Amino acid sequence: MDADERRYWIRNCQGFRVDGPEGRVGVVEDVLYGQDPSEPAALLVRAGLLGLRIEVVPVDAVETIDPKRTRIGLGGGAVE
């Protein structure tokens, strides 16, 4: 996946399942933008067994994006 395709899918990943090294983390609730409104800065992830916890995951922590399976893979240490 090239950089443009990655940016596209980061911007459009609401509803994607998020997996970390230990398994399922949650589901992308929203994409957050920083000072540059054209570049996503973080993902708001609804996490936990019942989805009651909200985690903010920096975009830099995203290692893989699988649009066909609607999945995002995080690197180690992304979510505590």
PDB file of N, CA and C in Angstrom:
ATOM      1  N   MET A   1       0.860  -1.178   0.000  1.00  0.00           N
ATOM      2  CA  MET A   1       0.000   0.000   0.000  1.00  0.00           C
ATOM      3  C   MET A   1       0.901   1.234   0.000  1.00  0.00           C
ATOM      4  N   ASP A   2       0.675   2.120  -0.956  1.00  0.00           N
ATOM      5  CA  ASP A   2       1.505   3.323  -1.006  1.00  0.00           C
ATOM      6  C   ASP A   2       0.986   4.369  -0.019  1.00  0.00           C
ATOM      7  N   ALA A   3       1.732   5.471   0.119  1.00  0.00           N
ATOM      8  CA  ALA A   3       1.412   6.496   1.123  1.00  0.00           C
ATOM      9  C   ALA A   3       0.046   7.143   0.883  1.00  0.00           C
ATOM     10  N   ASP A   4      -0.297   7.409  -0.374  1.00  0.00           N
ATOM     11  CA  ASP A   4      -1.595   8.026  -0.671  1.00  0.00           C
ATOM     12  C   ASP A   4      -2.757   7.098  -0.320  1.00  0.00           C
ATOM     13  N   GLU A   5      -2.590   5.832  -0.656  1.00  0.00           N
ATOM     14  CA  GLU A   5      -3.625   4.845  -0.336  1.00  0.00           C
ATOM     15  C   GLU A   5      -3.768   4.693   1.181  1.00  0.00           C
ATOM     16  N   ARG A   6      -2.644   4.676   1.882  1.00  0.00           N
ATOM     17  CA  ARG A   6      -2.664   4.583   3.353  1.00  0.00           C
ATOM     18  C   ARG A   6      -3.416   5.773   3.944  1.00  0.00           C
ATOM     19  N   ARG A   7      -3.098   6.996   3.482  1.00  0.00           N
ATOM     20  CA  ARG A   7      -3.792   8.193   3.988  1.00  0.00           C
ATOM     21  C   ARG A   7      -5.292   8.100   3.716  1.00  0.00           C
ATOM     22  N   TYR A   8      -5.663   7.636   2.532  1.00  0.00           N
ATOM     23  CA  TYR A   8      -7.080   7.502   2.200  1.00  0.00           C
ATOM     24  C   TYR A   8      -7.777   6.577   3.198  1.00  0.00           C
ATOM     25  N   TRP A   9      -7.189   5.401   3.433  1.00  0.00           N
ATOM     26  CA  TRP A   9      -7.849   4.433   4.314  1.00  0.00           C
ATOM     27  C   TRP A   9      -7.839   4.871   5.765  1.00  0.00           C
ATOM     28  N   ILE A  10      -6.795   5.595   6.207  1.00  0.00           N
ATOM     29  CA  ILE A  10      -6.804   6.133   7.569  1.00  0.00           C
ATOM     30  C   ILE A  10      -7.964   7.116   7.716  1.00  0.00           C
ATOM     31  N   ARG A  11      -8.168   7.957   6.714  1.00  0.00           N
ATOM     32  CA  ARG A  11      -9.267   8.938   6.769  1.00  0.00           C
ATOM     33  C   ARG A  11     -10.645   8.275   6.729  1.00  0.00           C
ATOM     34  N   ASN A  12     -10.720   7.086   6.181  1.00  0.00           N
ATOM     35  CA  ASN A  12     -12.005   6.422   5.944  1.00  0.00           C
ATOM     36  C   ASN A  12     -12.108   5.069   6.642  1.00  0.00           C
ATOM     37  N   CYS A  13     -11.591   4.975   7.858  1.00  0.00           N
ATOM     38  CA  CYS A  13     -11.567   3.673   8.539  1.00  0.00           C
ATOM     39  C   CYS A  13     -12.584   3.564   9.684  1.00  0.00           C
ATOM     40  N   GLN A  14     -13.550   4.471   9.761  1.00  0.00           N
ATOM     41  CA  GLN A  14     -14.580   4.354  10.786  1.00  0.00           C
ATOM     42  C   GLN A  14     -15.260   3.005  10.654  1.00  0.00           C
ATOM     43  N   GLY A  15     -15.393   2.314  11.778  1.00  0.00           N
ATOM     44  CA  GLY A  15     -16.035   1.004  11.784  1.00  0.00           C
ATOM     45  C   GLY A  15     -15.069  -0.155  11.600  1.00  0.00           C
ATOM     46  N   PHE A  16     -13.805   0.131  11.260  1.00  0.00           N
ATOM     47  CA  PHE A  16     -12.828  -0.949  11.103  1.00  0.00           C
ATOM     48  C   PHE A  16     -12.491  -1.546  12.466  1.00  0.00           C
ATOM     49  N   ARG A  17     -12.291  -2.845  12.487  1.00  0.00           N
ATOM     50  CA  ARG A  17     -11.828  -3.528  13.696  1.00  0.00           C
ATOM     51  C   ARG A  17     -10.344  -3.215  13.880  1.00  0.00           C
ATOM     52  N   VAL A  18      -9.933  -3.015  15.127  1.00  0.00           N
ATOM     53  CA  VAL A  18      -8.536  -2.721  15.454  1.00  0.00           C
ATOM     54  C   VAL A  18      -7.970  -3.882  16.250  1.00  0.00           C
ATOM     55  N   ASP A  19      -6.867  -4.432  15.747  1.00  0.00           N
ATOM     56  CA  ASP A  19      -6.172  -5.528  16.427  1.00  0.00           C
ATOM     57  C   ASP A  19      -4.783  -5.076  16.826  1.00  0.00           C
ATOM     58  N   GLY A  20      -4.371  -5.494  18.017  1.00  0.00           N
ATOM     59  CA  GLY A  20      -3.017  -5.256  18.493  1.00  0.00           C
ATOM     60  C   GLY A  20      -2.275  -6.573  18.547  1.00  0.00           C
ATOM     61  N   PRO A  21      -1.051  -6.563  19.029  1.00  0.00           N
ATOM     62  CA  PRO A  21      -0.259  -7.789  19.113  1.00  0.00           C
ATOM     63  C   PRO A  21      -0.909  -8.881  19.969  1.00  0.00           C
ATOM     64  N   GLU A  22      -1.720  -8.474  20.939  1.00  0.00           N
ATOM     65  CA  GLU A  22      -2.371  -9.424  21.850  1.00  0.00           C
ATOM     66  C   GLU A  22      -3.773  -9.814  21.408  1.00  0.00           C
ATOM     67  N   GLY A  23      -4.239  -9.266  20.279  1.00  0.00           N
ATOM     68  CA  GLY A  23      -5.584  -9.590  19.810  1.00  0.00           C
ATOM     69  C   GLY A  23      -6.435  -8.353  19.617  1.00  0.00           C
ATOM     70  N   ARG A  24      -7.745  -8.541  19.673  1.00  0.00           N
ATOM     71  CA  ARG A  24      -8.700  -7.472  19.389  1.00  0.00           C
ATOM     72  C   ARG A  24      -8.591  -6.350  20.407  1.00  0.00           C
ATOM     73  N   VAL A  25      -8.552  -5.107  19.891  1.00  0.00           N
ATOM     74  CA  VAL A  25      -8.527  -3.919  20.742  1.00  0.00           C
ATOM     75  C   VAL A  25      -9.910  -3.285  20.771  1.00  0.00           C
ATOM     76  N   GLY A  26     -10.515  -3.114  19.603  1.00  0.00           N
ATOM     77  CA  GLY A  26     -11.823  -2.477  19.536  1.00  0.00           C
ATOM     78  C   GLY A  26     -12.179  -2.113  18.112  1.00  0.00           C
ATOM     79  N   VAL A  27     -12.965  -1.046  17.985  1.00  0.00           N
ATOM     80  CA  VAL A  27     -13.471  -0.596  16.685  1.00  0.00           C
ATOM     81  C   VAL A  27     -13.233   0.907  16.566  1.00  0.00           C
ATOM     82  N   VAL A  28     -12.815   1.351  15.368  1.00  0.00           N
ATOM     83  CA  VAL A  28     -12.578   2.781  15.141  1.00  0.00           C
ATOM     84  C   VAL A  28     -13.912   3.521  15.197  1.00  0.00           C
ATOM     85  N   GLU A  29     -13.992   4.440  16.128  1.00  0.00           N
ATOM     86  CA  GLU A  29     -15.186   5.269  16.303  1.00  0.00           C
ATOM     87  C   GLU A  29     -15.093   6.531  15.442  1.00  0.00           C
ATOM     88  N   ASP A  30     -13.880   7.109  15.373  1.00  0.00           N
ATOM     89  CA  ASP A  30     -13.705   8.361  14.648  1.00  0.00           C
ATOM     90  C   ASP A  30     -12.234   8.556  14.318  1.00  0.00           C
ATOM     91  N   VAL A  31     -11.966   9.458  13.406  1.00  0.00           N
ATOM     92  CA  VAL A  31     -10.609   9.849  13.046  1.00  0.00           C
ATOM     93  C   VAL A  31     -10.407  11.271  13.555  1.00  0.00           C
ATOM     94  N   LEU A  32      -9.313  11.494  14.275  1.00  0.00           N
ATOM     95  CA  LEU A  32      -9.027  12.808  14.854  1.00  0.00           C
ATOM     96  C   LEU A  32      -7.927  13.499  14.058  1.00  0.00           C
ATOM     97  N   TYR A  33      -8.066  14.795  13.890  1.00  0.00           N
ATOM     98  CA  TYR A  33      -7.096  15.600  13.153  1.00  0.00           C
ATOM     99  C   TYR A  33      -6.416  16.555  14.119  1.00  0.00           C
ATOM    100  N   GLY A  34      -5.144  16.847  13.850  1.00  0.00           N
ATOM    101  CA  GLY A  34      -4.374  17.760  14.686  1.00  0.00           C
ATOM    102  C   GLY A  34      -4.388  19.154  14.098  1.00  0.00           C
ATOM    103  N   GLN A  35      -3.232  19.814  14.147  1.00  0.00           N
ATOM    104  CA  GLN A  35      -3.132  21.184  13.645  1.00  0.00           C
ATOM    105  C   GLN A  35      -3.335  21.265  12.148  1.00  0.00           C
ATOM    106  N   ASP A  36      -2.936  20.234  11.420  1.00  0.00           N
ATOM    107  CA  ASP A  36      -3.143  20.192   9.973  1.00  0.00           C
ATOM    108  C   ASP A  36      -4.461  19.463   9.706  1.00  0.00           C
ATOM    109  N   PRO A  37      -5.493  20.193   9.297  1.00  0.00           N
ATOM    110  CA  PRO A  37      -6.810  19.568   9.120  1.00  0.00           C
ATOM    111  C   PRO A  37      -6.882  18.578   7.961  1.00  0.00           C
ATOM    112  N   SER A  38      -5.809  18.455   7.187  1.00  0.00           N
ATOM    113  CA  SER A  38      -5.831  17.499   6.084  1.00  0.00           C
ATOM    114  C   SER A  38      -5.115  16.189   6.427  1.00  0.00           C
ATOM    115  N   GLU A  39      -4.456  16.147   7.591  1.00  0.00           N
ATOM    116  CA  GLU A  39      -3.697  14.954   7.989  1.00  0.00           C
ATOM    117  C   GLU A  39      -4.255  14.363   9.283  1.00  0.00           C
ATOM    118  N   PRO A  40      -4.744  13.136   9.240  1.00  0.00           N
ATOM    119  CA  PRO A  40      -5.213  12.488  10.468  1.00  0.00           C
ATOM    120  C   PRO A  40      -4.066  12.351  11.473  1.00  0.00           C
ATOM    121  N   ALA A  41      -4.367  12.574  12.742  1.00  0.00           N
ATOM    122  CA  ALA A  41      -3.361  12.486  13.801  1.00  0.00           C
ATOM    123  C   ALA A  41      -3.551  11.249  14.668  1.00  0.00           C
ATOM    124  N   ALA A  42      -4.808  10.838  14.867  1.00  0.00           N
ATOM    125  CA  ALA A  42      -5.084   9.718  15.773  1.00  0.00           C
ATOM    126  C   ALA A  42      -6.434   9.094  15.433  1.00  0.00           C
ATOM    127  N   LEU A  43      -6.616   7.894  15.954  1.00  0.00           N
ATOM    128  CA  LEU A  43      -7.894   7.190  15.818  1.00  0.00           C
ATOM    129  C   LEU A  43      -8.545   7.107  17.187  1.00  0.00           C
ATOM    130  N   LEU A  44      -9.820   7.366  17.245  1.00  0.00           N
ATOM    131  CA  LEU A  44     -10.600   7.194  18.461  1.00  0.00           C
ATOM    132  C   LEU A  44     -11.184   5.785  18.394  1.00  0.00           C
ATOM    133  N   VAL A  45     -10.752   4.930  19.317  1.00  0.00           N
ATOM    134  CA  VAL A  45     -11.124   3.514  19.266  1.00  0.00           C
ATOM    135  C   VAL A  45     -11.989   3.159  20.468  1.00  0.00           C
ATOM    136  N   ARG A  46     -13.163   2.609  20.184  1.00  0.00           N
ATOM    137  CA  ARG A  46     -14.034   2.103  21.250  1.00  0.00           C
ATOM    138  C   ARG A  46     -13.495   0.732  21.618  1.00  0.00           C
ATOM    139  N   ALA A  47     -13.018   0.596  22.862  1.00  0.00           N
ATOM    140  CA  ALA A  47     -12.284  -0.592  23.279  1.00  0.00           C
ATOM    141  C   ALA A  47     -12.918  -1.242  24.506  1.00  0.00           C
ATOM    142  N   GLY A  48     -12.335  -2.363  24.873  1.00  0.00           N
ATOM    143  CA  GLY A  48     -12.803  -3.084  26.053  1.00  0.00           C
ATOM    144  C   GLY A  48     -13.843  -4.122  25.707  1.00  0.00           C
ATOM    145  N   LEU A  49     -14.068  -5.020  26.636  1.00  0.00           N
ATOM    146  CA  LEU A  49     -14.988  -6.133  26.426  1.00  0.00           C
ATOM    147  C   LEU A  49     -16.385  -5.668  26.030  1.00  0.00           C
ATOM    148  N   LEU A  50     -16.863  -4.620  26.675  1.00  0.00           N
ATOM    149  CA  LEU A  50     -18.201  -4.109  26.380  1.00  0.00           C
ATOM    150  C   LEU A  50     -18.177  -2.840  25.535  1.00  0.00           C
ATOM    151  N   GLY A  51     -16.990  -2.429  25.107  1.00  0.00           N
ATOM    152  CA  GLY A  51     -16.870  -1.215  24.304  1.00  0.00           C
ATOM    153  C   GLY A  51     -17.127   0.051  25.084  1.00  0.00           C
ATOM    154  N   LEU A  52     -16.856   0.009  26.383  1.00  0.00           N
ATOM    155  CA  LEU A  52     -17.132   1.168  27.227  1.00  0.00           C
ATOM    156  C   LEU A  52     -15.942   2.112  27.352  1.00  0.00           C
ATOM    157  N   ARG A  53     -14.768   1.643  26.973  1.00  0.00           N
ATOM    158  CA  ARG A  53     -13.551   2.442  27.099  1.00  0.00           C
ATOM    159  C   ARG A  53     -13.225   3.063  25.741  1.00  0.00           C
ATOM    160  N   ILE A  54     -12.716   4.300  25.768  1.00  0.00           N
ATOM    161  CA  ILE A  54     -12.282   4.980  24.552  1.00  0.00           C
ATOM    162  C   ILE A  54     -10.763   5.140  24.626  1.00  0.00           C
ATOM    163  N   GLU A  55     -10.081   4.725  23.570  1.00  0.00           N
ATOM    164  CA  GLU A  55      -8.630   4.857  23.467  1.00  0.00           C
ATOM    165  C   GLU A  55      -8.310   5.787  22.306  1.00  0.00           C
ATOM    166  N   VAL A  56      -7.311   6.622  22.490  1.00  0.00           N
ATOM    167  CA  VAL A  56      -6.807   7.464  21.412  1.00  0.00           C
ATOM    168  C   VAL A  56      -5.510   6.831  20.939  1.00  0.00           C
ATOM    169  N   VAL A  57      -5.502   6.399  19.685  1.00  0.00           N
ATOM    170  CA  VAL A  57      -4.355   5.692  19.116  1.00  0.00           C
ATOM    171  C   VAL A  57      -3.712   6.577  18.052  1.00  0.00           C
ATOM    172  N   PRO A  58      -2.437   6.926  18.218  1.00  0.00           N
ATOM    173  CA  PRO A  58      -1.767   7.741  17.201  1.00  0.00           C
ATOM    174  C   PRO A  58      -1.716   7.006  15.863  1.00  0.00           C
ATOM    175  N   VAL A  59      -1.854   7.740  14.789  1.00  0.00           N
ATOM    176  CA  VAL A  59      -1.819   7.151  13.450  1.00  0.00           C
ATOM    177  C   VAL A  59      -0.488   6.433  13.216  1.00  0.00           C
ATOM    178  N   ASP A  60       0.582   6.928  13.818  1.00  0.00           N
ATOM    179  CA  ASP A  60       1.900   6.293  13.670  1.00  0.00           C
ATOM    180  C   ASP A  60       1.931   4.868  14.205  1.00  0.00           C
ATOM    181  N   ALA A  61       1.002   4.514  15.088  1.00  0.00           N
ATOM    182  CA  ALA A  61       0.961   3.164  15.661  1.00  0.00           C
ATOM    183  C   ALA A  61       0.327   2.146  14.709  1.00  0.00           C
ATOM    184  N   VAL A  62      -0.324   2.632  13.640  1.00  0.00           N
ATOM    185  CA  VAL A  62      -0.970   1.740  12.673  1.00  0.00           C
ATOM    186  C   VAL A  62       0.106   1.106  11.799  1.00  0.00           C
ATOM    187  N   GLU A  63       0.193  -0.220  11.860  1.00  0.00           N
ATOM    188  CA  GLU A  63       1.177  -0.939  11.048  1.00  0.00           C
ATOM    189  C   GLU A  63       0.568  -1.488   9.774  1.00  0.00           C
ATOM    190  N   THR A  64      -0.671  -1.968   9.856  1.00  0.00           N
ATOM    191  CA  THR A  64      -1.314  -2.546   8.687  1.00  0.00           C
ATOM    192  C   THR A  64      -2.753  -2.062   8.559  1.00  0.00           C
ATOM    193  N   ILE A  65      -3.202  -1.984   7.306  1.00  0.00           N
ATOM    194  CA  ILE A  65      -4.598  -1.652   7.011  1.00  0.00           C
ATOM    195  C   ILE A  65      -5.065  -2.659   5.966  1.00  0.00           C
ATOM    196  N   ASP A  66      -6.158  -3.347   6.283  1.00  0.00           N
ATOM    197  CA  ASP A  66      -6.726  -4.327   5.361  1.00  0.00           C
ATOM    198  C   ASP A  66      -8.158  -3.899   5.033  1.00  0.00           C
ATOM    199  N   PRO A  67      -8.332  -3.089   3.979  1.00  0.00           N
ATOM    200  CA  PRO A  67      -9.666  -2.579   3.663  1.00  0.00           C
ATOM    201  C   PRO A  67     -10.676  -3.669   3.318  1.00  0.00           C
ATOM    202  N   LYS A  68     -10.222  -4.759   2.702  1.00  0.00           N
ATOM    203  CA  LYS A  68     -11.151  -5.835   2.341  1.00  0.00           C
ATOM    204  C   LYS A  68     -11.756  -6.493   3.572  1.00  0.00           C
ATOM    205  N   ARG A  69     -10.948  -6.632   4.622  1.00  0.00           N
ATOM    206  CA  ARG A  69     -11.432  -7.261   5.862  1.00  0.00           C
ATOM    207  C   ARG A  69     -11.851  -6.217   6.892  1.00  0.00           C
ATOM    208  N   THR A  70     -11.757  -4.940   6.541  1.00  0.00           N
ATOM    209  CA  THR A  70     -12.026  -3.808   7.433  1.00  0.00           C
ATOM    210  C   THR A  70     -11.291  -3.978   8.765  1.00  0.00           C
ATOM    211  N   ARG A  71      -9.975  -4.138   8.664  1.00  0.00           N
ATOM    212  CA  ARG A  71      -9.135  -4.341   9.850  1.00  0.00           C
ATOM    213  C   ARG A  71      -7.942  -3.412   9.831  1.00  0.00           C
ATOM    214  N   ILE A  72      -7.543  -3.025  11.034  1.00  0.00           N
ATOM    215  CA  ILE A  72      -6.329  -2.235  11.246  1.00  0.00           C
ATOM    216  C   ILE A  72      -5.482  -3.005  12.248  1.00  0.00           C
ATOM    217  N   GLY A  73      -4.187  -3.099  11.970  1.00  0.00           N
ATOM    218  CA  GLY A  73      -3.252  -3.754  12.872  1.00  0.00           C
ATOM    219  C   GLY A  73      -2.315  -2.739  13.489  1.00  0.00           C
ATOM    220  N   LEU A  74      -2.168  -2.813  14.814  1.00  0.00           N
ATOM    221  CA  LEU A  74      -1.299  -1.891  15.543  1.00  0.00           C
ATOM    222  C   LEU A  74       0.006  -2.565  15.914  1.00  0.00           C
ATOM    223  N   GLY A  75       1.026  -1.742  16.069  1.00  0.00           N
ATOM    224  CA  GLY A  75       2.309  -2.239  16.552  1.00  0.00           C
ATOM    225  C   GLY A  75       2.283  -2.382  18.062  1.00  0.00           C
ATOM    226  N   GLY A  76       3.309  -2.961  18.616  1.00  0.00           N
ATOM    227  CA  GLY A  76       3.407  -3.159  20.071  1.00  0.00           C
ATOM    228  C   GLY A  76       3.442  -1.842  20.818  1.00  0.00           C
ATOM    229  N   GLY A  77       2.802  -1.787  21.966  1.00  0.00           N
ATOM    230  CA  GLY A  77       2.806  -0.605  22.819  1.00  0.00           C
ATOM    231  C   GLY A  77       1.864   0.507  22.377  1.00  0.00           C
ATOM    232  N   ALA A  78       1.024   0.260  21.397  1.00  0.00           N
ATOM    233  CA  ALA A  78       0.133   1.302  20.888  1.00  0.00           C
ATOM    234  C   ALA A  78      -0.991   1.643  21.870  1.00  0.00           C
ATOM    235  N   VAL A  79      -1.518   0.624  22.535  1.00  0.00           N
ATOM    236  CA  VAL A  79      -2.636   0.816  23.479  1.00  0.00           C
ATOM    237  C   VAL A  79      -2.275   0.135  24.770  1.00  0.00           C
ATOM    238  N   GLU A  80      -2.482   0.838  25.870  1.00  0.00           N
ATOM    239  CA  GLU A  80      -2.175   0.241  27.182  1.00  0.00           C
ATOM    240  C   GLU A  80      -3.397  -0.412  27.773  1.00  0.00           C
TER     241      GLU A  80
END
